[in-house]
Amino acid sequence: MCGIGFFSKFMKKFFILVLGIFALLGCSSQDNWTAFYYPNENDLEYFTKQSGFIDREACSDYLLNLLDSLGDEYKTSSHVECGKNCELNIELRKFVCDEKFE
């Protein structure tokens, strides 16, 4: 009898621990923003990207600083955008994002 009570208490604590871990993992998932820079707005096949931004504002700030560093010539001929949780889709041969903005 004593062994069954101990096992029951142990399983209850273990179950609560496992639930807690899953709850923390679910809450810690963050959006990942990616900056896309296209040097030629008429040819979106060629681009550079920088990912790892924690929010839309950080991505946008990065692109504004990039454009400022490149000069006026590139500001008028290029295209920039930020995307949230972007993944490369092999079949479409492009990045697909949950959300994008220019």
C-alpha atoms as a PDB file:
ATOM      1  CA  MET A   1       0.000   0.000   0.000  1.00  0.00           C
ATOM      2  CA  CYS A   2       2.742   2.427   0.896  1.00  0.00           C
ATOM      3  CA  GLY A   3       4.410   1.928  -2.474  1.00  0.00           C
ATOM      4  CA  ILE A   4       1.240   2.718  -4.456  1.00  0.00           C
ATOM      5  CA  GLY A   5       0.670   6.030  -2.637  1.00  0.00           C
ATOM      6  CA  PHE A   6       4.243   7.121  -3.330  1.00  0.00           C
ATOM      7  CA  PHE A   7       3.921   6.165  -6.995  1.00  0.00           C
ATOM      8  CA  SER A   8       0.632   8.070  -7.287  1.00  0.00           C
ATOM      9  CA  LYS A   9       2.145  11.237  -5.761  1.00  0.00           C
ATOM     10  CA  PHE A  10       5.206  10.917  -7.985  1.00  0.00           C
ATOM     11  CA  MET A  11       3.086  10.542 -11.142  1.00  0.00           C
ATOM     12  CA  LYS A  12       0.961  13.549 -10.177  1.00  0.00           C
ATOM     13  CA  LYS A  13       4.065  15.726  -9.706  1.00  0.00           C
ATOM     14  CA  PHE A  14       5.614  14.387 -12.899  1.00  0.00           C
ATOM     15  CA  PHE A  15       2.424  15.128 -14.846  1.00  0.00           C
ATOM     16  CA  ILE A  16       2.322  18.702 -13.490  1.00  0.00           C
ATOM     17  CA  LEU A  17       5.992  19.160 -14.408  1.00  0.00           C
ATOM     18  CA  VAL A  18       5.414  17.949 -17.969  1.00  0.00           C
ATOM     19  CA  LEU A  19       2.394  20.256 -18.369  1.00  0.00           C
ATOM     20  CA  GLY A  20       4.462  23.164 -17.075  1.00  0.00           C
ATOM     21  CA  ILE A  21       7.232  22.497 -19.578  1.00  0.00           C
ATOM     22  CA  PHE A  22       4.770  22.373 -22.474  1.00  0.00           C
ATOM     23  CA  ALA A  23       3.146  25.599 -21.280  1.00  0.00           C
ATOM     24  CA  LEU A  24       6.509  27.359 -21.153  1.00  0.00           C
ATOM     25  CA  LEU A  25       7.509  26.115 -24.581  1.00  0.00           C
ATOM     26  CA  GLY A  26       4.238  27.316 -26.041  1.00  0.00           C
ATOM     27  CA  CYS A  27       4.566  30.748 -24.460  1.00  0.00           C
ATOM     28  CA  SER A  28       8.176  31.247 -25.464  1.00  0.00           C
ATOM     29  CA  SER A  29       7.540  30.957 -29.180  1.00  0.00           C
ATOM     30  CA  GLN A  30       8.273  34.334 -30.754  1.00  0.00           C
ATOM     31  CA  ASP A  31       7.709  35.726 -34.173  1.00  0.00           C
ATOM     32  CA  ASN A  32      10.782  35.995 -36.355  1.00  0.00           C
ATOM     33  CA  TRP A  33      10.919  38.962 -38.727  1.00  0.00           C
ATOM     34  CA  THR A  34      13.054  38.951 -41.880  1.00  0.00           C
ATOM     35  CA  ALA A  35      14.213  41.969 -43.901  1.00  0.00           C
ATOM     36  CA  PHE A  36      14.358  41.597 -47.688  1.00  0.00           C
ATOM     37  CA  TYR A  37      16.334  44.015 -49.862  1.00  0.00           C
ATOM     38  CA  TYR A  38      15.905  43.930 -53.645  1.00  0.00           C
ATOM     39  CA  PRO A  39      18.498  46.157 -55.409  1.00  0.00           C
ATOM     40  CA  ASN A  40      16.318  46.395 -58.525  1.00  0.00           C
ATOM     41  CA  GLU A  41      12.605  46.865 -57.915  1.00  0.00           C
ATOM     42  CA  ASN A  42      11.915  45.579 -61.442  1.00  0.00           C
ATOM     43  CA  ASP A  43      13.721  42.286 -60.829  1.00  0.00           C
ATOM     44  CA  LEU A  44      12.662  40.667 -57.563  1.00  0.00           C
ATOM     45  CA  GLU A  45      14.556  37.455 -58.296  1.00  0.00           C
ATOM     46  CA  TYR A  46      17.775  38.836 -56.805  1.00  0.00           C
ATOM     47  CA  PHE A  47      17.737  39.895 -53.178  1.00  0.00           C
ATOM     48  CA  THR A  48      19.520  39.773 -49.873  1.00  0.00           C
ATOM     49  CA  LYS A  49      17.857  38.976 -46.600  1.00  0.00           C
ATOM     50  CA  GLN A  50      18.589  39.399 -42.937  1.00  0.00           C
ATOM     51  CA  SER A  51      16.517  37.511 -40.388  1.00  0.00           C
ATOM     52  CA  GLY A  52      16.274  37.368 -36.625  1.00  0.00           C
ATOM     53  CA  PHE A  53      14.413  40.576 -35.830  1.00  0.00           C
ATOM     54  CA  ILE A  54      12.103  40.350 -32.825  1.00  0.00           C
ATOM     55  CA  ASP A  55       9.415  42.656 -34.184  1.00  0.00           C
ATOM     56  CA  ARG A  56       8.253  44.618 -37.198  1.00  0.00           C
ATOM     57  CA  GLU A  57       9.781  47.858 -35.954  1.00  0.00           C
ATOM     58  CA  ALA A  58      13.277  46.375 -35.593  1.00  0.00           C
ATOM     59  CA  CYS A  59      13.062  44.975 -39.127  1.00  0.00           C
ATOM     60  CA  SER A  60      11.876  48.294 -40.511  1.00  0.00           C
ATOM     61  CA  ASP A  61      14.621  50.208 -38.671  1.00  0.00           C
ATOM     62  CA  TYR A  62      17.242  47.879 -40.142  1.00  0.00           C
ATOM     63  CA  LEU A  63      15.980  48.496 -43.685  1.00  0.00           C
ATOM     64  CA  LEU A  64      15.816  52.270 -43.198  1.00  0.00           C
ATOM     65  CA  ASN A  65      19.412  52.289 -41.946  1.00  0.00           C
ATOM     66  CA  LEU A  66      20.460  50.080 -44.851  1.00  0.00           C
ATOM     67  CA  LEU A  67      18.888  52.420 -47.394  1.00  0.00           C
ATOM     68  CA  ASP A  68      20.438  55.458 -45.703  1.00  0.00           C
ATOM     69  CA  SER A  69      23.871  53.845 -45.896  1.00  0.00           C
ATOM     70  CA  LEU A  70      23.465  53.025 -49.608  1.00  0.00           C
ATOM     71  CA  GLY A  71      22.534  56.517 -50.727  1.00  0.00           C
ATOM     72  CA  ASP A  72      19.824  58.178 -52.796  1.00  0.00           C
ATOM     73  CA  GLU A  73      20.525  56.274 -56.014  1.00  0.00           C
ATOM     74  CA  TYR A  74      19.563  52.956 -54.394  1.00  0.00           C
ATOM     75  CA  LYS A  75      16.563  54.371 -52.544  1.00  0.00           C
ATOM     76  CA  THR A  76      14.733  55.114 -55.779  1.00  0.00           C
ATOM     77  CA  SER A  77      15.619  51.927 -57.665  1.00  0.00           C
ATOM     78  CA  SER A  78      15.333  49.318 -54.918  1.00  0.00           C
ATOM     79  CA  HIS A  79      12.516  47.578 -53.087  1.00  0.00           C
ATOM     80  CA  VAL A  80      12.446  46.543 -49.415  1.00  0.00           C
ATOM     81  CA  GLU A  81      10.015  44.575 -47.297  1.00  0.00           C
ATOM     82  CA  CYS A  82       9.750  42.827 -43.952  1.00  0.00           C
ATOM     83  CA  GLY A  83       8.122  39.442 -43.445  1.00  0.00           C
ATOM     84  CA  LYS A  84       6.952  37.620 -40.329  1.00  0.00           C
ATOM     85  CA  ASN A  85       7.838  33.932 -39.849  1.00  0.00           C
ATOM     86  CA  CYS A  86       9.107  33.466 -43.405  1.00  0.00           C
ATOM     87  CA  GLU A  87      10.081  30.039 -44.695  1.00  0.00           C
ATOM     88  CA  LEU A  88      11.508  28.989 -48.019  1.00  0.00           C
ATOM     89  CA  ASN A  89       8.938  27.098 -50.055  1.00  0.00           C
ATOM     90  CA  ILE A  90      10.924  24.824 -52.362  1.00  0.00           C
ATOM     91  CA  GLU A  91       8.003  24.124 -54.706  1.00  0.00           C
ATOM     92  CA  LEU A  92       7.206  27.822 -55.207  1.00  0.00           C
ATOM     93  CA  ARG A  93      10.895  28.765 -55.172  1.00  0.00           C
ATOM     94  CA  LYS A  94      10.246  31.743 -52.916  1.00  0.00           C
ATOM     95  CA  PHE A  95       9.889  32.763 -49.299  1.00  0.00           C
ATOM     96  CA  VAL A  96       6.391  32.507 -47.916  1.00  0.00           C
ATOM     97  CA  CYS A  97       5.597  34.608 -44.848  1.00  0.00           C
ATOM     98  CA  ASP A  98       2.677  34.836 -42.434  1.00  0.00           C
ATOM     99  CA  GLU A  99       2.601  38.575 -43.072  1.00  0.00           C
ATOM    100  CA  LYS A 100       4.567  41.070 -45.193  1.00  0.00           C
ATOM    101  CA  PHE A 101       4.799  44.833 -45.373  1.00  0.00           C
ATOM    102  CA  GLU A 102       6.789  47.269 -47.481  1.00  0.00           C
END
